[in-house]
């Protein structure tokens, strides 16, 4: 089994965070999120695919992951390329921005994988934040947009035995300043929270219906 993590180039990272974090800070946010994800995947073979040489160097030298240089544009094409470059049939696909994932989640997925052809965990926005496939070409990948519903439809169409792994912590992907607040609430002992704290970022409760909290910088 291989775990595939596609990673966007640094110059296109997390643009919705650009008013809150500069480019260098967004880069280090990504690297720390990857550290947290790799820690959750301890003991599994990880493949990181990216077109960014700095990310690939980091993945190879610090994370000790297998790397694939991305050749084609588009997330679905990148994952298919990774499929073609590995011999393993069983795969797990995980995005690079879910730092709250834990070893316990992966243990659950591996146990469930004995009985299911496909396991998926939705994101809060309707995406797919974890996808396990017993056979890597069993469905047509349909990332982007509401991919969770698309992948669910694919599983039904192919008559696959599927399981929806509904986890709040896996559902949290980091795209906006408010998302960073989830790290402060749920991310104790993560590289990501420690990095954000080093930047002087703080979270305060918001006493209104417009959001759960306020994320600030000292």
N, C-alpha and C. Protein backbone atom coordinates (compact mmCIF):
# COMPACT_ATOMS: atom_id res chain seq x y z
N UNK A 1 0.84 -1.20 0.00
CA UNK A 1 0.00 0.00 0.00
C UNK A 1 0.88 1.25 0.00
N UNK A 2 0.47 2.23 -0.79
CA UNK A 2 1.17 3.51 -0.82
C UNK A 2 0.18 4.62 -0.45
N UNK A 3 0.70 5.65 0.22
CA UNK A 3 -0.08 6.86 0.49
C UNK A 3 0.44 7.95 -0.43
N UNK A 4 -0.46 8.53 -1.21
CA UNK A 4 -0.09 9.57 -2.18
C UNK A 4 -0.55 10.93 -1.68
N UNK A 5 0.39 11.87 -1.63
CA UNK A 5 0.08 13.24 -1.21
C UNK A 5 0.47 14.20 -2.34
N UNK A 6 -0.50 14.74 -3.07
CA UNK A 6 -0.17 15.75 -4.09
C UNK A 6 0.01 17.12 -3.43
N UNK A 7 1.02 17.86 -3.86
CA UNK A 7 1.33 19.16 -3.25
C UNK A 7 1.48 20.22 -4.34
N UNK A 8 0.73 21.31 -4.19
CA UNK A 8 0.79 22.42 -5.15
C UNK A 8 2.13 23.15 -5.05
N UNK A 9 2.53 23.85 -6.12
CA UNK A 9 3.76 24.64 -6.06
C UNK A 9 3.67 25.74 -5.01
N UNK A 10 4.82 26.09 -4.44
CA UNK A 10 4.87 27.09 -3.38
C UNK A 10 4.29 28.43 -3.85
N UNK A 11 4.53 28.82 -5.10
CA UNK A 11 4.07 30.14 -5.54
C UNK A 11 2.56 30.24 -5.70
N UNK A 12 1.86 29.11 -5.59
CA UNK A 12 0.40 29.16 -5.69
C UNK A 12 -0.28 28.73 -4.39
N UNK A 13 0.51 28.68 -3.32
CA UNK A 13 0.00 28.12 -2.05
C UNK A 13 -0.96 29.06 -1.34
N UNK A 14 -2.12 28.55 -0.98
CA UNK A 14 -2.98 29.16 0.02
C UNK A 14 -3.16 30.66 -0.18
N UNK A 15 -3.59 31.04 -1.37
CA UNK A 15 -3.73 32.47 -1.68
C UNK A 15 -4.77 33.16 -0.80
N UNK A 16 -5.74 32.39 -0.29
CA UNK A 16 -6.74 33.02 0.60
C UNK A 16 -6.15 33.39 1.96
N UNK A 17 -4.93 32.93 2.23
CA UNK A 17 -4.24 33.31 3.46
C UNK A 17 -3.25 34.46 3.22
N UNK A 18 -3.20 34.98 1.99
CA UNK A 18 -2.13 35.93 1.63
C UNK A 18 -2.22 37.26 2.37
N UNK A 19 -3.41 37.66 2.83
CA UNK A 19 -3.52 38.91 3.58
C UNK A 19 -3.12 38.72 5.04
N UNK A 20 -2.98 37.46 5.44
CA UNK A 20 -2.67 37.15 6.84
C UNK A 20 -1.25 36.62 7.01
N UNK A 21 -0.79 35.84 6.02
CA UNK A 21 0.55 35.27 6.06
C UNK A 21 1.25 35.61 4.75
N UNK A 22 2.52 36.01 4.83
CA UNK A 22 3.25 36.27 3.59
C UNK A 22 3.66 34.95 2.93
N UNK A 23 4.27 35.04 1.76
CA UNK A 23 4.60 33.84 0.99
C UNK A 23 5.51 32.90 1.76
N UNK A 24 6.53 33.44 2.41
CA UNK A 24 7.47 32.60 3.17
C UNK A 24 6.76 31.91 4.33
N UNK A 25 5.88 32.64 4.99
CA UNK A 25 5.13 32.05 6.12
C UNK A 25 4.17 30.97 5.63
N UNK A 26 3.55 31.19 4.48
CA UNK A 26 2.65 30.17 3.93
C UNK A 26 3.44 28.91 3.55
N UNK A 27 4.65 29.11 3.04
CA UNK A 27 5.50 27.96 2.72
C UNK A 27 5.79 27.15 3.97
N UNK A 28 6.18 27.82 5.05
CA UNK A 28 6.52 27.09 6.27
C UNK A 28 5.28 26.49 6.94
N UNK A 29 4.14 27.13 6.74
CA UNK A 29 2.89 26.51 7.20
C UNK A 29 2.69 25.17 6.50
N UNK A 30 2.87 25.17 5.19
CA UNK A 30 2.72 23.92 4.43
C UNK A 30 3.70 22.85 4.92
N UNK A 31 4.96 23.22 5.09
CA UNK A 31 5.97 22.24 5.49
C UNK A 31 5.64 21.64 6.85
N UNK A 32 5.12 22.47 7.75
CA UNK A 32 4.75 21.95 9.07
C UNK A 32 3.49 21.10 9.01
N UNK A 33 2.56 21.44 8.14
CA UNK A 33 1.38 20.57 7.96
C UNK A 33 1.81 19.22 7.43
N UNK A 34 2.76 19.21 6.49
CA UNK A 34 3.27 17.93 5.97
C UNK A 34 3.96 17.12 7.06
N UNK A 35 4.68 17.78 7.95
CA UNK A 35 5.31 17.07 9.07
C UNK A 35 4.26 16.37 9.92
N UNK A 36 3.16 17.07 10.19
CA UNK A 36 2.09 16.47 10.99
C UNK A 36 1.44 15.29 10.28
N UNK A 37 1.22 15.43 8.99
CA UNK A 37 0.60 14.35 8.22
C UNK A 37 1.51 13.13 8.18
N UNK A 38 2.79 13.35 7.92
CA UNK A 38 3.75 12.24 7.87
C UNK A 38 3.83 11.52 9.22
N UNK A 39 3.74 12.28 10.30
CA UNK A 39 3.75 11.65 11.62
C UNK A 39 2.55 10.72 11.80
N UNK A 40 1.39 11.12 11.28
CA UNK A 40 0.20 10.27 11.36
C UNK A 40 0.35 9.02 10.51
N UNK A 41 1.18 9.10 9.46
CA UNK A 41 1.34 7.99 8.52
C UNK A 41 2.53 7.11 8.85
N UNK A 42 3.03 7.24 10.04
CA UNK A 42 4.22 6.50 10.46
C UNK A 42 4.08 5.00 10.15
N UNK A 43 5.08 4.46 9.46
CA UNK A 43 5.07 3.04 9.12
C UNK A 43 4.54 2.73 7.74
N UNK A 44 3.94 3.71 7.07
CA UNK A 44 3.43 3.52 5.72
C UNK A 44 4.36 4.15 4.69
N UNK A 45 4.35 3.63 3.48
CA UNK A 45 5.14 4.19 2.39
C UNK A 45 4.41 5.38 1.79
N UNK A 46 5.08 6.52 1.75
CA UNK A 46 4.47 7.76 1.30
C UNK A 46 5.12 8.22 0.00
N UNK A 47 4.28 8.64 -0.94
CA UNK A 47 4.73 9.22 -2.20
C UNK A 47 4.21 10.64 -2.28
N UNK A 48 5.11 11.60 -2.44
CA UNK A 48 4.70 13.00 -2.61
C UNK A 48 4.96 13.39 -4.05
N UNK A 49 3.89 13.87 -4.72
CA UNK A 49 4.01 14.31 -6.10
C UNK A 49 3.82 15.82 -6.16
N UNK A 50 4.74 16.50 -6.81
CA UNK A 50 4.69 17.96 -6.93
C UNK A 50 5.55 18.37 -8.11
N UNK A 51 5.28 19.56 -8.63
CA UNK A 51 6.16 20.10 -9.67
C UNK A 51 7.18 21.06 -9.07
N UNK A 52 7.10 21.27 -7.76
CA UNK A 52 7.97 22.24 -7.07
C UNK A 52 9.21 21.54 -6.52
N UNK A 53 10.37 21.94 -6.99
CA UNK A 53 11.62 21.29 -6.59
C UNK A 53 11.91 21.45 -5.10
N UNK A 54 11.56 22.59 -4.53
CA UNK A 54 11.82 22.80 -3.10
C UNK A 54 10.99 21.84 -2.25
N UNK A 55 9.76 21.65 -2.64
CA UNK A 55 8.89 20.70 -1.93
C UNK A 55 9.42 19.28 -2.08
N UNK A 56 9.83 18.93 -3.29
CA UNK A 56 10.35 17.59 -3.53
C UNK A 56 11.63 17.34 -2.73
N UNK A 57 12.50 18.34 -2.65
CA UNK A 57 13.73 18.20 -1.84
C UNK A 57 13.39 18.00 -0.37
N UNK A 58 12.44 18.78 0.12
CA UNK A 58 12.00 18.66 1.52
C UNK A 58 11.40 17.28 1.78
N UNK A 59 10.57 16.83 0.85
CA UNK A 59 9.91 15.53 1.00
C UNK A 59 10.94 14.40 1.04
N UNK A 60 11.93 14.48 0.18
CA UNK A 60 12.93 13.42 0.09
C UNK A 60 13.89 13.45 1.27
N UNK A 61 14.41 14.63 1.59
CA UNK A 61 15.49 14.72 2.55
C UNK A 61 15.03 14.79 4.00
N UNK A 62 13.92 15.48 4.26
CA UNK A 62 13.46 15.57 5.65
C UNK A 62 12.37 14.55 5.96
N UNK A 63 11.40 14.43 5.05
CA UNK A 63 10.28 13.53 5.34
C UNK A 63 10.60 12.08 4.98
N UNK A 64 11.68 11.87 4.23
CA UNK A 64 12.09 10.52 3.80
C UNK A 64 10.99 9.84 2.98
N UNK A 65 10.29 10.63 2.20
CA UNK A 65 9.22 10.11 1.35
C UNK A 65 9.75 9.85 -0.05
N UNK A 66 9.07 8.96 -0.75
CA UNK A 66 9.34 8.77 -2.18
C UNK A 66 8.78 9.99 -2.91
N UNK A 67 9.44 10.42 -3.98
CA UNK A 67 8.96 11.63 -4.68
C UNK A 67 8.73 11.33 -6.16
N UNK A 68 7.76 12.06 -6.71
CA UNK A 68 7.47 12.00 -8.14
C UNK A 68 7.35 13.42 -8.66
N UNK A 69 8.08 13.74 -9.72
CA UNK A 69 8.00 15.07 -10.33
C UNK A 69 6.76 15.13 -11.22
N UNK A 70 5.87 16.04 -10.86
CA UNK A 70 4.60 16.16 -11.57
C UNK A 70 4.82 16.67 -13.00
N UNK A 71 4.20 16.00 -13.96
CA UNK A 71 4.37 16.36 -15.38
C UNK A 71 3.15 17.05 -15.97
N UNK A 72 1.98 16.78 -15.41
CA UNK A 72 0.74 17.23 -16.05
C UNK A 72 -0.03 18.16 -15.13
N UNK A 73 -0.75 19.09 -15.72
CA UNK A 73 -1.55 20.02 -14.92
C UNK A 73 -2.83 19.35 -14.45
N UNK A 74 -3.27 19.77 -13.28
CA UNK A 74 -4.53 19.25 -12.75
C UNK A 74 -4.31 18.18 -11.70
N UNK A 75 -5.08 18.26 -10.62
CA UNK A 75 -4.93 17.34 -9.50
C UNK A 75 -5.21 15.90 -9.91
N UNK A 76 -6.28 15.68 -10.66
CA UNK A 76 -6.60 14.31 -11.07
C UNK A 76 -5.48 13.70 -11.92
N UNK A 77 -4.92 14.51 -12.82
CA UNK A 77 -3.83 14.02 -13.67
C UNK A 77 -2.58 13.71 -12.85
N UNK A 78 -2.32 14.55 -11.84
CA UNK A 78 -1.14 14.33 -10.99
C UNK A 78 -1.27 13.00 -10.24
N UNK A 79 -2.45 12.73 -9.70
CA UNK A 79 -2.64 11.49 -8.95
C UNK A 79 -2.55 10.28 -9.88
N UNK A 80 -3.13 10.41 -11.08
CA UNK A 80 -3.04 9.31 -12.05
C UNK A 80 -1.59 9.05 -12.43
N UNK A 81 -0.80 10.11 -12.56
CA UNK A 81 0.62 9.93 -12.86
C UNK A 81 1.31 9.15 -11.73
N UNK A 82 0.99 9.53 -10.49
CA UNK A 82 1.57 8.80 -9.35
C UNK A 82 1.14 7.33 -9.37
N UNK A 83 -0.12 7.08 -9.72
CA UNK A 83 -0.60 5.69 -9.84
C UNK A 83 0.27 4.91 -10.83
N UNK A 84 0.58 5.56 -11.95
CA UNK A 84 1.33 4.88 -13.01
C UNK A 84 2.78 4.60 -12.62
N UNK A 85 3.28 5.34 -11.63
CA UNK A 85 4.69 5.20 -11.26
C UNK A 85 4.90 4.34 -10.02
N UNK A 86 3.82 3.76 -9.49
CA UNK A 86 3.96 2.85 -8.36
C UNK A 86 3.41 1.48 -8.74
N UNK A 87 3.94 0.46 -8.13
CA UNK A 87 3.48 -0.90 -8.41
C UNK A 87 2.29 -1.31 -7.53
N UNK A 88 2.16 -0.66 -6.38
CA UNK A 88 1.11 -1.03 -5.43
C UNK A 88 -0.29 -0.82 -6.03
N UNK A 89 -1.18 -1.73 -5.70
CA UNK A 89 -2.57 -1.62 -6.15
C UNK A 89 -3.40 -0.86 -5.14
N UNK A 90 -3.16 -1.10 -3.86
CA UNK A 90 -3.89 -0.40 -2.79
C UNK A 90 -3.28 0.97 -2.55
N UNK A 91 -4.12 2.01 -2.47
CA UNK A 91 -3.61 3.36 -2.26
C UNK A 91 -4.52 4.13 -1.31
N UNK A 92 -3.90 5.09 -0.64
CA UNK A 92 -4.64 6.12 0.10
C UNK A 92 -4.19 7.46 -0.45
N UNK A 93 -5.14 8.34 -0.73
CA UNK A 93 -4.83 9.69 -1.22
C UNK A 93 -5.22 10.69 -0.15
N UNK A 94 -4.27 11.56 0.20
CA UNK A 94 -4.48 12.54 1.26
C UNK A 94 -3.97 13.90 0.77
N UNK A 95 -4.71 14.99 0.99
CA UNK A 95 -4.21 16.31 0.64
C UNK A 95 -3.13 16.77 1.62
N UNK A 96 -2.44 17.84 1.27
CA UNK A 96 -1.31 18.30 2.07
C UNK A 96 -1.70 19.28 3.17
N UNK A 97 -3.01 19.53 3.34
CA UNK A 97 -3.43 20.58 4.27
C UNK A 97 -4.41 20.10 5.34
N UNK A 98 -4.23 18.83 5.79
CA UNK A 98 -5.10 18.33 6.87
C UNK A 98 -4.23 17.92 8.08
N UNK A 99 -3.63 18.91 8.76
CA UNK A 99 -2.64 18.61 9.80
C UNK A 99 -3.22 18.02 11.08
N UNK A 100 -4.55 17.95 11.20
CA UNK A 100 -5.15 17.39 12.41
C UNK A 100 -5.37 15.87 12.31
N UNK A 101 -5.02 15.28 11.18
CA UNK A 101 -5.15 13.83 11.03
C UNK A 101 -4.22 13.14 12.04
N UNK A 102 -4.68 12.02 12.60
CA UNK A 102 -3.94 11.32 13.65
C UNK A 102 -3.63 9.88 13.26
N UNK A 103 -2.67 9.29 13.96
CA UNK A 103 -2.35 7.87 13.76
C UNK A 103 -3.58 7.00 13.98
N UNK A 104 -4.43 7.39 14.92
CA UNK A 104 -5.63 6.60 15.22
C UNK A 104 -6.56 6.54 14.00
N UNK A 105 -6.64 7.64 13.25
CA UNK A 105 -7.47 7.63 12.04
C UNK A 105 -6.93 6.62 11.04
N UNK A 106 -5.62 6.64 10.85
CA UNK A 106 -5.01 5.73 9.88
C UNK A 106 -5.17 4.28 10.33
N UNK A 107 -5.05 4.05 11.61
CA UNK A 107 -5.27 2.70 12.14
C UNK A 107 -6.69 2.24 11.82
N UNK A 108 -7.66 3.14 12.00
CA UNK A 108 -9.06 2.83 11.66
C UNK A 108 -9.21 2.48 10.18
N UNK A 109 -8.60 3.31 9.33
CA UNK A 109 -8.72 3.11 7.88
C UNK A 109 -8.12 1.76 7.47
N UNK A 110 -6.97 1.43 8.03
CA UNK A 110 -6.32 0.16 7.68
C UNK A 110 -7.17 -1.03 8.13
N UNK A 111 -7.81 -0.89 9.27
CA UNK A 111 -8.69 -1.97 9.74
C UNK A 111 -9.92 -2.10 8.83
N UNK A 112 -10.51 -0.97 8.47
CA UNK A 112 -11.68 -0.97 7.59
C UNK A 112 -11.34 -1.48 6.20
N UNK A 113 -10.10 -1.26 5.78
CA UNK A 113 -9.70 -1.63 4.42
C UNK A 113 -9.78 -3.14 4.18
N UNK A 114 -9.82 -3.91 5.26
CA UNK A 114 -9.95 -5.37 5.11
C UNK A 114 -11.32 -5.74 4.55
N UNK A 115 -12.31 -4.87 4.76
CA UNK A 115 -13.69 -5.21 4.42
C UNK A 115 -14.31 -4.34 3.32
N UNK A 116 -13.61 -3.28 2.92
CA UNK A 116 -14.22 -2.34 1.97
C UNK A 116 -13.30 -2.11 0.76
N UNK A 117 -13.95 -1.83 -0.39
CA UNK A 117 -13.22 -1.50 -1.62
C UNK A 117 -12.80 -0.05 -1.65
N UNK A 118 -13.58 0.79 -0.99
CA UNK A 118 -13.36 2.23 -1.05
C UNK A 118 -13.77 2.84 0.28
N UNK A 119 -12.91 3.72 0.81
CA UNK A 119 -13.22 4.45 2.05
C UNK A 119 -12.93 5.91 1.77
N UNK A 120 -13.84 6.78 2.19
CA UNK A 120 -13.56 8.21 1.97
C UNK A 120 -14.02 9.04 3.16
N UNK A 121 -13.26 10.11 3.41
CA UNK A 121 -13.58 11.06 4.46
C UNK A 121 -13.82 12.42 3.82
N UNK A 122 -15.00 13.01 4.02
CA UNK A 122 -15.31 14.29 3.39
C UNK A 122 -14.64 15.46 4.09
N UNK A 123 -14.42 16.53 3.34
CA UNK A 123 -14.01 17.79 3.93
C UNK A 123 -15.25 18.59 4.31
N UNK A 124 -15.06 19.65 5.08
CA UNK A 124 -16.20 20.47 5.47
C UNK A 124 -16.85 21.14 4.27
N UNK A 125 -16.06 21.36 3.21
CA UNK A 125 -16.58 22.04 2.03
C UNK A 125 -17.07 21.11 0.94
N UNK A 126 -17.13 19.81 1.23
CA UNK A 126 -17.65 18.87 0.24
C UNK A 126 -16.58 18.21 -0.60
N UNK A 127 -15.32 18.45 -0.28
CA UNK A 127 -14.23 17.78 -0.98
C UNK A 127 -13.95 16.40 -0.39
N UNK A 128 -12.88 15.78 -0.85
CA UNK A 128 -12.48 14.46 -0.36
C UNK A 128 -11.13 14.59 0.33
N UNK A 129 -11.11 14.47 1.66
CA UNK A 129 -9.87 14.68 2.41
C UNK A 129 -9.12 13.39 2.73
N UNK A 130 -9.72 12.26 2.42
CA UNK A 130 -9.01 10.98 2.45
C UNK A 130 -9.78 10.04 1.54
N UNK A 131 -9.04 9.33 0.68
CA UNK A 131 -9.66 8.36 -0.21
C UNK A 131 -8.81 7.10 -0.23
N UNK A 132 -9.39 6.00 0.23
CA UNK A 132 -8.72 4.69 0.16
C UNK A 132 -9.35 3.90 -0.99
N UNK A 133 -8.48 3.31 -1.82
CA UNK A 133 -8.94 2.46 -2.91
C UNK A 133 -8.21 1.12 -2.82
N UNK A 134 -8.97 0.05 -2.76
CA UNK A 134 -8.35 -1.28 -2.75
C UNK A 134 -7.66 -1.55 -4.07
N UNK A 135 -8.24 -0.98 -5.15
CA UNK A 135 -7.62 -1.05 -6.47
C UNK A 135 -7.57 0.37 -7.05
N UNK A 136 -6.37 0.84 -7.36
CA UNK A 136 -6.17 2.26 -7.66
C UNK A 136 -6.94 2.76 -8.88
N UNK A 137 -7.31 1.85 -9.78
CA UNK A 137 -8.05 2.27 -10.97
C UNK A 137 -9.52 1.87 -10.92
N UNK A 138 -10.02 1.66 -9.70
CA UNK A 138 -11.39 1.16 -9.57
C UNK A 138 -12.45 2.23 -9.85
N UNK A 139 -12.09 3.51 -9.70
CA UNK A 139 -13.03 4.58 -10.02
C UNK A 139 -12.31 5.67 -10.81
N UNK A 140 -13.09 6.50 -11.46
CA UNK A 140 -12.55 7.69 -12.12
C UNK A 140 -12.38 8.77 -11.06
N UNK A 141 -11.17 9.29 -10.92
CA UNK A 141 -10.93 10.34 -9.93
C UNK A 141 -11.62 11.62 -10.36
N UNK A 142 -12.30 12.26 -9.40
CA UNK A 142 -13.06 13.48 -9.72
C UNK A 142 -12.84 14.54 -8.65
N UNK A 143 -11.55 14.80 -8.39
CA UNK A 143 -11.24 15.88 -7.45
C UNK A 143 -11.60 17.23 -8.07
N UNK A 144 -11.68 18.24 -7.20
CA UNK A 144 -12.14 19.59 -7.50
C UNK A 144 -13.66 19.62 -7.32
N UNK A 145 -14.15 20.78 -6.87
CA UNK A 145 -15.58 20.91 -6.65
C UNK A 145 -16.04 20.01 -5.51
N UNK A 146 -17.28 19.57 -5.58
CA UNK A 146 -17.83 18.68 -4.54
C UNK A 146 -17.40 17.25 -4.83
N UNK A 147 -16.11 16.99 -4.67
CA UNK A 147 -15.57 15.70 -5.10
C UNK A 147 -16.08 14.54 -4.24
N UNK A 148 -16.42 14.82 -2.98
CA UNK A 148 -16.92 13.74 -2.13
C UNK A 148 -18.18 13.12 -2.75
N UNK A 149 -19.11 13.95 -3.17
CA UNK A 149 -20.34 13.44 -3.78
C UNK A 149 -20.06 12.75 -5.10
N UNK A 150 -19.10 13.27 -5.86
CA UNK A 150 -18.73 12.64 -7.14
C UNK A 150 -18.11 11.27 -6.92
N UNK A 151 -17.23 11.17 -5.93
CA UNK A 151 -16.59 9.89 -5.64
C UNK A 151 -17.61 8.89 -5.07
N UNK A 152 -18.55 9.38 -4.29
CA UNK A 152 -19.61 8.52 -3.78
C UNK A 152 -20.45 7.97 -4.93
N UNK A 153 -20.75 8.83 -5.89
CA UNK A 153 -21.52 8.40 -7.06
C UNK A 153 -20.74 7.36 -7.87
N UNK A 154 -19.43 7.57 -8.00
CA UNK A 154 -18.58 6.60 -8.71
C UNK A 154 -18.61 5.24 -8.01
N UNK A 155 -18.50 5.26 -6.68
CA UNK A 155 -18.51 4.00 -5.92
C UNK A 155 -19.81 3.24 -6.13
N UNK A 156 -20.92 3.97 -6.13
CA UNK A 156 -22.23 3.32 -6.34
C UNK A 156 -22.35 2.80 -7.77
N UNK A 157 -21.87 3.59 -8.71
CA UNK A 157 -21.97 3.20 -10.13
C UNK A 157 -21.16 1.93 -10.40
N UNK A 158 -20.01 1.79 -9.72
CA UNK A 158 -19.15 0.62 -9.93
C UNK A 158 -19.49 -0.54 -8.98
N UNK A 159 -20.55 -0.36 -8.19
CA UNK A 159 -20.98 -1.40 -7.24
C UNK A 159 -19.88 -1.80 -6.26
N UNK A 160 -19.14 -0.79 -5.81
CA UNK A 160 -18.08 -1.04 -4.84
C UNK A 160 -18.65 -1.01 -3.42
N UNK A 161 -18.06 -1.81 -2.57
CA UNK A 161 -18.43 -1.77 -1.16
C UNK A 161 -17.66 -0.60 -0.52
N UNK A 162 -18.42 0.42 -0.09
CA UNK A 162 -17.75 1.64 0.37
C UNK A 162 -18.14 1.97 1.81
N UNK A 163 -17.27 2.80 2.43
CA UNK A 163 -17.49 3.23 3.81
C UNK A 163 -17.18 4.72 3.88
N UNK A 164 -18.07 5.48 4.50
CA UNK A 164 -17.85 6.91 4.71
C UNK A 164 -17.27 7.10 6.11
N UNK A 165 -16.03 7.53 6.17
CA UNK A 165 -15.34 7.75 7.44
C UNK A 165 -15.49 9.22 7.80
N UNK A 166 -16.45 9.50 8.67
CA UNK A 166 -16.82 10.89 8.96
C UNK A 166 -16.06 11.38 10.18
N UNK A 167 -15.00 12.13 9.96
CA UNK A 167 -14.14 12.61 11.04
C UNK A 167 -14.02 14.13 10.96
N UNK A 168 -14.35 14.80 12.05
CA UNK A 168 -14.20 16.26 12.05
C UNK A 168 -12.74 16.65 11.82
N UNK A 169 -11.82 15.98 12.51
CA UNK A 169 -10.41 16.38 12.41
C UNK A 169 -9.87 16.22 10.99
N UNK A 170 -10.27 15.15 10.31
CA UNK A 170 -9.83 14.99 8.91
C UNK A 170 -10.55 16.00 8.01
N UNK A 171 -11.74 16.41 8.38
CA UNK A 171 -12.51 17.33 7.53
C UNK A 171 -11.92 18.74 7.49
N UNK A 172 -11.06 19.05 8.46
CA UNK A 172 -10.50 20.40 8.55
C UNK A 172 -9.31 20.55 7.62
N UNK A 173 -9.52 21.24 6.49
CA UNK A 173 -8.40 21.62 5.64
C UNK A 173 -8.17 23.12 5.79
N UNK A 174 -6.92 23.52 5.66
CA UNK A 174 -6.53 24.88 6.03
C UNK A 174 -6.44 25.76 4.79
N UNK A 175 -7.41 26.67 4.65
CA UNK A 175 -7.45 27.55 3.48
C UNK A 175 -7.63 29.02 3.83
N UNK A 176 -8.21 29.32 4.99
CA UNK A 176 -8.54 30.71 5.35
C UNK A 176 -8.00 31.01 6.75
N UNK A 177 -7.90 32.30 7.11
CA UNK A 177 -7.46 32.63 8.46
C UNK A 177 -8.33 31.99 9.53
N UNK A 178 -9.64 31.92 9.32
CA UNK A 178 -10.49 31.30 10.35
C UNK A 178 -10.16 29.81 10.52
N UNK A 179 -9.76 29.16 9.42
CA UNK A 179 -9.37 27.74 9.54
C UNK A 179 -8.21 27.57 10.52
N UNK A 180 -7.35 28.58 10.60
CA UNK A 180 -6.21 28.48 11.52
C UNK A 180 -6.68 28.35 12.96
N UNK A 181 -7.86 28.91 13.24
CA UNK A 181 -8.40 28.81 14.58
C UNK A 181 -8.65 27.38 15.00
N UNK A 182 -9.02 26.53 14.04
CA UNK A 182 -9.25 25.12 14.36
C UNK A 182 -7.97 24.45 14.85
N UNK A 183 -6.84 24.90 14.34
CA UNK A 183 -5.54 24.37 14.77
C UNK A 183 -5.31 24.69 16.24
N UNK A 184 -5.67 25.92 16.64
CA UNK A 184 -5.45 26.30 18.03
C UNK A 184 -6.38 25.53 18.98
N UNK A 185 -7.59 25.23 18.52
CA UNK A 185 -8.54 24.53 19.38
C UNK A 185 -8.24 23.03 19.44
N UNK A 186 -7.92 22.44 18.28
CA UNK A 186 -7.82 20.98 18.19
C UNK A 186 -6.41 20.45 17.96
N UNK A 187 -5.42 21.35 17.78
CA UNK A 187 -4.12 20.92 17.31
C UNK A 187 -2.99 20.92 18.31
N UNK A 188 -3.30 20.64 19.58
CA UNK A 188 -2.22 20.57 20.57
C UNK A 188 -1.15 19.56 20.15
N UNK A 189 0.10 19.92 20.41
CA UNK A 189 1.25 19.05 20.12
C UNK A 189 1.45 18.79 18.63
N UNK A 190 0.96 19.69 17.79
CA UNK A 190 1.24 19.58 16.36
C UNK A 190 2.34 20.58 15.98
N UNK A 191 3.08 20.22 14.93
CA UNK A 191 4.06 21.16 14.38
C UNK A 191 3.36 22.42 13.90
N UNK A 192 2.18 22.26 13.35
CA UNK A 192 1.46 23.39 12.75
C UNK A 192 1.08 24.42 13.80
N UNK A 193 0.52 23.96 14.92
CA UNK A 193 0.15 24.92 15.97
C UNK A 193 1.39 25.60 16.55
N UNK A 194 2.45 24.84 16.77
CA UNK A 194 3.67 25.45 17.32
C UNK A 194 4.21 26.51 16.37
N UNK A 195 4.14 26.26 15.06
CA UNK A 195 4.63 27.24 14.10
C UNK A 195 3.76 28.50 14.13
N UNK A 196 2.45 28.32 14.13
CA UNK A 196 1.55 29.48 14.15
C UNK A 196 1.76 30.32 15.41
N UNK A 197 1.97 29.65 16.53
CA UNK A 197 2.22 30.38 17.78
C UNK A 197 3.52 31.17 17.68
N UNK A 198 4.51 30.61 16.98
CA UNK A 198 5.80 31.31 16.84
C UNK A 198 5.66 32.59 16.03
N UNK A 199 4.60 32.68 15.22
CA UNK A 199 4.34 33.89 14.43
C UNK A 199 3.56 34.94 15.21
N UNK A 200 3.18 34.61 16.45
CA UNK A 200 2.39 35.55 17.24
C UNK A 200 0.91 35.51 16.93
N UNK A 201 0.45 34.41 16.36
CA UNK A 201 -0.97 34.27 16.03
C UNK A 201 -1.73 33.81 17.26
N UNK A 202 -2.89 34.41 17.47
CA UNK A 202 -3.73 34.09 18.62
C UNK A 202 -5.17 33.92 18.16
N UNK A 203 -5.96 33.23 18.96
CA UNK A 203 -7.37 33.02 18.67
C UNK A 203 -8.21 33.50 19.85
N UNK A 204 -9.24 34.27 19.54
CA UNK A 204 -10.16 34.75 20.58
C UNK A 204 -11.58 34.34 20.22
N UNK A 205 -12.43 34.08 21.22
CA UNK A 205 -13.82 33.73 20.91
C UNK A 205 -14.56 34.92 20.32
N UNK A 206 -15.50 34.64 19.45
CA UNK A 206 -16.32 35.69 18.84
C UNK A 206 -17.75 35.54 19.39
N UNK A 207 -18.22 36.58 20.02
CA UNK A 207 -19.54 36.52 20.65
C UNK A 207 -20.61 37.04 19.68
N UNK A 208 -20.74 36.33 18.59
CA UNK A 208 -21.77 36.69 17.61
C UNK A 208 -22.03 35.46 16.76
N UNK A 209 -23.01 35.57 15.89
CA UNK A 209 -23.33 34.44 15.00
C UNK A 209 -22.43 34.41 13.77
N UNK A 210 -21.61 35.44 13.59
CA UNK A 210 -20.78 35.53 12.39
C UNK A 210 -19.42 34.90 12.64
N UNK A 211 -19.40 33.59 12.65
CA UNK A 211 -18.14 32.88 12.86
C UNK A 211 -17.95 32.46 14.30
N UNK A 212 -17.00 31.56 14.51
CA UNK A 212 -16.79 30.99 15.84
C UNK A 212 -15.74 31.73 16.65
N UNK A 213 -14.76 32.32 15.96
CA UNK A 213 -13.68 32.97 16.67
C UNK A 213 -12.99 33.98 15.75
N UNK A 214 -12.10 34.75 16.36
CA UNK A 214 -11.30 35.74 15.64
C UNK A 214 -9.85 35.31 15.71
N UNK A 215 -9.17 35.26 14.57
CA UNK A 215 -7.76 34.93 14.53
C UNK A 215 -6.97 36.22 14.35
N UNK A 216 -6.02 36.47 15.26
CA UNK A 216 -5.26 37.72 15.26
C UNK A 216 -3.77 37.44 15.29
N UNK A 217 -3.01 38.48 14.93
CA UNK A 217 -1.55 38.44 15.10
C UNK A 217 -1.12 39.53 16.05
N UNK A 218 -0.22 39.16 16.94
CA UNK A 218 0.30 40.17 17.87
C UNK A 218 1.18 41.16 17.11
